[in-house]
Amino acid sequence: MRTEVANRLVMTRALVSARRHPGTPDSYAWVWAFPMRDGKFRISTVEIPKLIVDEDACFGEEDIERVHVATVETVEEVDMVVRNLGVDPETLDAPWKNDFPL
């Protein structure tokens, strides 16, 4: 993970995300890491149908497939979990840089 991304997680306590391969060809997918209040990091995956994203349509929680993958204590563990999901931790970044749906 790049230093500025690690700082975003640890210093500013803000989430980071990266694109990943979707489980179905008609979806877009991301992995994200979120700093929790207790100092740990939650890592999850998100998939949203392409049609909703491409049409810039409003969507709700029922349209999002969200899977909690792990809760870890260190940035190094975030890297390991992200890598195990098939994503290069170097691609983690601020969510607006990879169209992560906030």
N, C-alpha and C. Protein backbone atom coordinates (compact mmCIF):
# COMPACT_ATOMS: atom_id res chain seq x y z
N MET A 1 0.85 -1.17 0.00
CA MET A 1 0.00 0.00 0.00
C MET A 1 0.90 1.24 0.00
N ARG A 2 0.49 2.22 -0.80
CA ARG A 2 1.25 3.46 -0.88
C ARG A 2 1.16 4.22 0.45
N THR A 3 2.19 4.98 0.76
CA THR A 3 2.26 5.72 2.02
C THR A 3 1.09 6.67 2.19
N GLU A 4 0.72 7.40 1.13
CA GLU A 4 -0.38 8.35 1.28
C GLU A 4 -1.71 7.65 1.55
N VAL A 5 -1.86 6.43 1.06
CA VAL A 5 -3.08 5.66 1.32
C VAL A 5 -3.07 5.14 2.76
N ALA A 6 -1.94 4.66 3.21
CA ALA A 6 -1.82 4.22 4.61
C ALA A 6 -2.09 5.39 5.54
N ASN A 7 -1.58 6.57 5.20
CA ASN A 7 -1.83 7.76 6.02
C ASN A 7 -3.31 8.11 6.04
N ARG A 8 -3.97 7.94 4.90
CA ARG A 8 -5.41 8.22 4.83
C ARG A 8 -6.17 7.31 5.82
N LEU A 9 -5.78 6.05 5.88
CA LEU A 9 -6.43 5.12 6.80
C LEU A 9 -6.10 5.41 8.26
N VAL A 10 -4.82 5.65 8.54
CA VAL A 10 -4.36 5.75 9.91
C VAL A 10 -4.46 7.17 10.47
N MET A 11 -4.06 8.15 9.70
CA MET A 11 -4.00 9.52 10.22
C MET A 11 -5.35 10.25 10.10
N THR A 12 -5.96 10.20 8.92
CA THR A 12 -7.22 10.93 8.74
C THR A 12 -8.43 10.04 9.00
N ARG A 13 -8.20 8.73 9.20
CA ARG A 13 -9.27 7.78 9.52
C ARG A 13 -10.36 7.78 8.44
N ALA A 14 -9.94 7.78 7.19
CA ALA A 14 -10.87 7.79 6.06
C ALA A 14 -10.75 6.49 5.27
N LEU A 15 -11.83 6.11 4.62
CA LEU A 15 -11.83 4.85 3.88
C LEU A 15 -11.05 4.95 2.58
N VAL A 16 -10.61 3.78 2.11
CA VAL A 16 -9.94 3.65 0.82
C VAL A 16 -10.60 2.51 0.07
N SER A 17 -10.48 2.54 -1.25
CA SER A 17 -11.12 1.51 -2.06
C SER A 17 -10.32 1.26 -3.33
N ALA A 18 -10.66 0.16 -4.00
CA ALA A 18 -10.04 -0.18 -5.28
C ALA A 18 -11.03 -1.03 -6.07
N ARG A 19 -10.95 -0.92 -7.38
CA ARG A 19 -11.77 -1.77 -8.25
C ARG A 19 -11.29 -3.20 -8.13
N ARG A 20 -12.20 -4.12 -8.33
CA ARG A 20 -11.84 -5.54 -8.39
C ARG A 20 -12.71 -6.21 -9.43
N HIS A 21 -12.38 -7.46 -9.77
CA HIS A 21 -13.18 -8.20 -10.74
C HIS A 21 -14.51 -8.57 -10.09
N PRO A 22 -15.61 -8.30 -10.79
CA PRO A 22 -16.93 -8.62 -10.22
C PRO A 22 -17.22 -10.12 -10.27
N GLY A 23 -18.14 -10.53 -9.42
CA GLY A 23 -18.57 -11.92 -9.40
C GLY A 23 -19.43 -12.28 -10.60
N THR A 24 -20.09 -11.26 -11.18
CA THR A 24 -20.90 -11.47 -12.38
C THR A 24 -20.52 -10.42 -13.41
N PRO A 25 -20.62 -10.75 -14.69
CA PRO A 25 -20.19 -9.79 -15.73
C PRO A 25 -21.07 -8.55 -15.85
N ASP A 26 -22.25 -8.57 -15.23
CA ASP A 26 -23.13 -7.41 -15.34
C ASP A 26 -23.04 -6.49 -14.11
N SER A 27 -21.94 -6.60 -13.37
CA SER A 27 -21.75 -5.77 -12.18
C SER A 27 -20.39 -5.09 -12.20
N TYR A 28 -20.29 -4.02 -11.43
CA TYR A 28 -19.01 -3.40 -11.10
C TYR A 28 -18.71 -3.79 -9.65
N ALA A 29 -17.43 -3.92 -9.32
CA ALA A 29 -17.08 -4.36 -7.98
C ALA A 29 -15.88 -3.60 -7.42
N TRP A 30 -15.87 -3.46 -6.11
CA TRP A 30 -14.80 -2.80 -5.40
C TRP A 30 -14.50 -3.57 -4.12
N VAL A 31 -13.30 -3.35 -3.60
CA VAL A 31 -12.95 -3.73 -2.24
C VAL A 31 -12.69 -2.42 -1.51
N TRP A 32 -13.08 -2.37 -0.24
CA TRP A 32 -12.83 -1.15 0.51
C TRP A 32 -12.38 -1.48 1.92
N ALA A 33 -11.58 -0.58 2.47
CA ALA A 33 -11.11 -0.71 3.85
C ALA A 33 -11.55 0.54 4.60
N PHE A 34 -12.13 0.32 5.76
CA PHE A 34 -12.70 1.41 6.54
C PHE A 34 -12.13 1.38 7.95
N PRO A 35 -11.54 2.49 8.42
CA PRO A 35 -11.04 2.52 9.80
C PRO A 35 -12.19 2.60 10.80
N MET A 36 -12.15 1.72 11.77
CA MET A 36 -13.20 1.68 12.79
C MET A 36 -12.77 2.49 14.01
N ARG A 37 -13.71 2.80 14.86
CA ARG A 37 -13.41 3.62 16.05
C ARG A 37 -12.42 2.97 17.00
N ASP A 38 -12.41 1.65 17.03
CA ASP A 38 -11.53 0.95 17.96
C ASP A 38 -10.10 0.79 17.42
N GLY A 39 -9.81 1.39 16.26
CA GLY A 39 -8.47 1.31 15.68
C GLY A 39 -8.28 0.18 14.69
N LYS A 40 -9.24 -0.70 14.59
CA LYS A 40 -9.16 -1.80 13.62
C LYS A 40 -9.67 -1.31 12.27
N PHE A 41 -9.54 -2.18 11.27
CA PHE A 41 -9.97 -1.86 9.92
C PHE A 41 -10.93 -2.93 9.42
N ARG A 42 -12.05 -2.50 8.88
CA ARG A 42 -13.03 -3.42 8.28
C ARG A 42 -12.79 -3.45 6.78
N ILE A 43 -12.74 -4.64 6.22
CA ILE A 43 -12.56 -4.82 4.78
C ILE A 43 -13.79 -5.54 4.25
N SER A 44 -14.37 -4.96 3.20
CA SER A 44 -15.57 -5.53 2.59
C SER A 44 -15.48 -5.44 1.07
N THR A 45 -16.34 -6.18 0.42
CA THR A 45 -16.49 -6.05 -1.03
C THR A 45 -17.87 -5.48 -1.31
N VAL A 46 -17.98 -4.81 -2.45
CA VAL A 46 -19.24 -4.21 -2.88
C VAL A 46 -19.42 -4.51 -4.36
N GLU A 47 -20.63 -4.91 -4.74
CA GLU A 47 -20.97 -5.09 -6.16
C GLU A 47 -22.30 -4.38 -6.43
N ILE A 48 -22.32 -3.67 -7.56
CA ILE A 48 -23.52 -2.95 -7.99
C ILE A 48 -23.76 -3.27 -9.46
N PRO A 49 -25.01 -3.52 -9.85
CA PRO A 49 -25.29 -3.78 -11.27
C PRO A 49 -24.81 -2.64 -12.16
N LYS A 50 -24.17 -3.00 -13.27
CA LYS A 50 -23.66 -2.00 -14.22
C LYS A 50 -24.75 -1.08 -14.72
N LEU A 51 -25.93 -1.62 -14.96
CA LEU A 51 -27.03 -0.83 -15.49
C LEU A 51 -27.32 0.39 -14.60
N ILE A 52 -27.33 0.17 -13.30
CA ILE A 52 -27.60 1.27 -12.37
C ILE A 52 -26.50 2.32 -12.44
N VAL A 53 -25.26 1.86 -12.44
CA VAL A 53 -24.12 2.79 -12.46
C VAL A 53 -24.05 3.51 -13.80
N ASP A 54 -24.15 2.76 -14.89
CA ASP A 54 -24.02 3.36 -16.23
C ASP A 54 -25.14 4.35 -16.54
N GLU A 55 -26.33 4.10 -16.01
CA GLU A 55 -27.46 4.99 -16.24
C GLU A 55 -27.48 6.16 -15.25
N ASP A 56 -26.53 6.14 -14.31
CA ASP A 56 -26.46 7.16 -13.27
C ASP A 56 -27.79 7.26 -12.52
N ALA A 57 -28.39 6.08 -12.30
CA ALA A 57 -29.69 6.00 -11.64
C ALA A 57 -29.52 6.03 -10.12
N CYS A 58 -30.55 6.47 -9.46
CA CYS A 58 -30.56 6.42 -8.00
C CYS A 58 -30.65 4.95 -7.58
N PHE A 59 -29.95 4.62 -6.52
CA PHE A 59 -30.03 3.25 -6.02
C PHE A 59 -29.98 3.26 -4.51
N GLY A 60 -30.43 2.17 -3.94
CA GLY A 60 -30.48 2.05 -2.49
C GLY A 60 -29.71 0.83 -2.02
N GLU A 61 -29.74 0.62 -0.73
CA GLU A 61 -29.02 -0.51 -0.13
C GLU A 61 -29.44 -1.85 -0.75
N GLU A 62 -30.71 -1.94 -1.15
CA GLU A 62 -31.19 -3.21 -1.71
C GLU A 62 -30.55 -3.54 -3.05
N ASP A 63 -29.95 -2.55 -3.70
CA ASP A 63 -29.29 -2.76 -4.99
C ASP A 63 -27.82 -3.12 -4.86
N ILE A 64 -27.29 -3.00 -3.65
CA ILE A 64 -25.86 -3.21 -3.41
C ILE A 64 -25.64 -4.56 -2.75
N GLU A 65 -24.71 -5.32 -3.31
CA GLU A 65 -24.30 -6.56 -2.65
C GLU A 65 -23.02 -6.26 -1.88
N ARG A 66 -23.12 -6.30 -0.56
CA ARG A 66 -22.00 -5.94 0.29
C ARG A 66 -21.64 -7.18 1.12
N VAL A 67 -20.36 -7.54 1.12
CA VAL A 67 -19.91 -8.71 1.87
C VAL A 67 -18.76 -8.29 2.78
N HIS A 68 -18.95 -8.50 4.09
CA HIS A 68 -17.87 -8.25 5.05
C HIS A 68 -16.86 -9.38 4.90
N VAL A 69 -15.61 -9.02 4.66
CA VAL A 69 -14.57 -10.02 4.43
C VAL A 69 -13.76 -10.26 5.70
N ALA A 70 -13.31 -9.18 6.34
CA ALA A 70 -12.45 -9.33 7.52
C ALA A 70 -12.42 -8.05 8.32
N THR A 71 -12.03 -8.21 9.58
CA THR A 71 -11.68 -7.08 10.43
C THR A 71 -10.27 -7.36 10.91
N VAL A 72 -9.37 -6.41 10.67
CA VAL A 72 -7.96 -6.60 11.01
C VAL A 72 -7.45 -5.43 11.84
N GLU A 73 -6.25 -5.61 12.41
CA GLU A 73 -5.71 -4.60 13.32
C GLU A 73 -4.65 -3.70 12.71
N THR A 74 -4.03 -4.11 11.61
CA THR A 74 -2.92 -3.32 11.06
C THR A 74 -3.08 -3.07 9.56
N VAL A 75 -2.39 -2.05 9.09
CA VAL A 75 -2.38 -1.74 7.66
C VAL A 75 -1.77 -2.91 6.87
N GLU A 76 -0.77 -3.55 7.43
CA GLU A 76 -0.16 -4.70 6.77
C GLU A 76 -1.17 -5.82 6.57
N GLU A 77 -2.05 -6.01 7.54
CA GLU A 77 -3.09 -7.03 7.40
C GLU A 77 -4.12 -6.62 6.35
N VAL A 78 -4.39 -5.32 6.25
CA VAL A 78 -5.27 -4.84 5.19
C VAL A 78 -4.69 -5.25 3.85
N ASP A 79 -3.39 -4.99 3.65
CA ASP A 79 -2.72 -5.39 2.41
C ASP A 79 -2.91 -6.87 2.12
N MET A 80 -2.71 -7.70 3.13
CA MET A 80 -2.80 -9.15 2.94
C MET A 80 -4.21 -9.56 2.51
N VAL A 81 -5.23 -9.03 3.19
CA VAL A 81 -6.61 -9.39 2.85
C VAL A 81 -6.97 -8.91 1.45
N VAL A 82 -6.59 -7.68 1.13
CA VAL A 82 -6.87 -7.13 -0.21
C VAL A 82 -6.19 -7.98 -1.28
N ARG A 83 -4.94 -8.35 -1.04
CA ARG A 83 -4.21 -9.19 -1.99
C ARG A 83 -4.90 -10.55 -2.14
N ASN A 84 -5.39 -11.11 -1.04
CA ASN A 84 -6.09 -12.40 -1.10
C ASN A 84 -7.40 -12.32 -1.87
N LEU A 85 -7.94 -11.12 -2.01
CA LEU A 85 -9.15 -10.90 -2.81
C LEU A 85 -8.82 -10.68 -4.29
N GLY A 86 -7.54 -10.77 -4.64
CA GLY A 86 -7.12 -10.62 -6.03
C GLY A 86 -6.90 -9.19 -6.46
N VAL A 87 -6.73 -8.28 -5.49
CA VAL A 87 -6.52 -6.87 -5.80
C VAL A 87 -5.13 -6.45 -5.32
N ASP A 88 -4.42 -5.71 -6.13
CA ASP A 88 -3.12 -5.19 -5.75
C ASP A 88 -3.33 -4.06 -4.75
N PRO A 89 -2.79 -4.16 -3.53
CA PRO A 89 -2.96 -3.10 -2.54
C PRO A 89 -2.45 -1.74 -3.00
N GLU A 90 -1.56 -1.72 -3.98
CA GLU A 90 -1.06 -0.46 -4.52
C GLU A 90 -2.15 0.32 -5.26
N THR A 91 -3.25 -0.35 -5.61
CA THR A 91 -4.34 0.33 -6.31
C THR A 91 -5.36 0.95 -5.35
N LEU A 92 -5.23 0.69 -4.06
CA LEU A 92 -6.12 1.33 -3.09
C LEU A 92 -5.92 2.84 -3.15
N ASP A 93 -7.02 3.58 -3.03
CA ASP A 93 -6.94 5.04 -3.12
C ASP A 93 -8.20 5.65 -2.52
N ALA A 94 -8.27 6.96 -2.57
CA ALA A 94 -9.48 7.67 -2.14
C ALA A 94 -10.64 7.20 -3.02
N PRO A 95 -11.83 7.05 -2.47
CA PRO A 95 -12.94 6.46 -3.21
C PRO A 95 -13.33 7.19 -4.49
N TRP A 96 -13.19 8.50 -4.53
CA TRP A 96 -13.59 9.23 -5.74
C TRP A 96 -12.62 8.99 -6.90
N LYS A 97 -11.46 8.41 -6.62
CA LYS A 97 -10.50 8.15 -7.69
C LYS A 97 -10.78 6.85 -8.42
N ASN A 98 -11.69 6.02 -7.91
CA ASN A 98 -12.05 4.75 -8.58
C ASN A 98 -13.55 4.56 -8.64
N ASP A 99 -14.29 5.67 -8.55
CA ASP A 99 -15.75 5.66 -8.68
C ASP A 99 -16.48 4.79 -7.65
N PHE A 100 -15.88 4.64 -6.49
CA PHE A 100 -16.53 3.88 -5.42
C PHE A 100 -17.83 4.57 -5.04
N PRO A 101 -18.94 3.84 -4.98
CA PRO A 101 -20.24 4.45 -4.67
C PRO A 101 -20.39 4.73 -3.18
N LEU A 102 -20.26 5.96 -2.82
CA LEU A 102 -20.38 6.32 -1.39
C LEU A 102 -21.82 6.35 -0.95
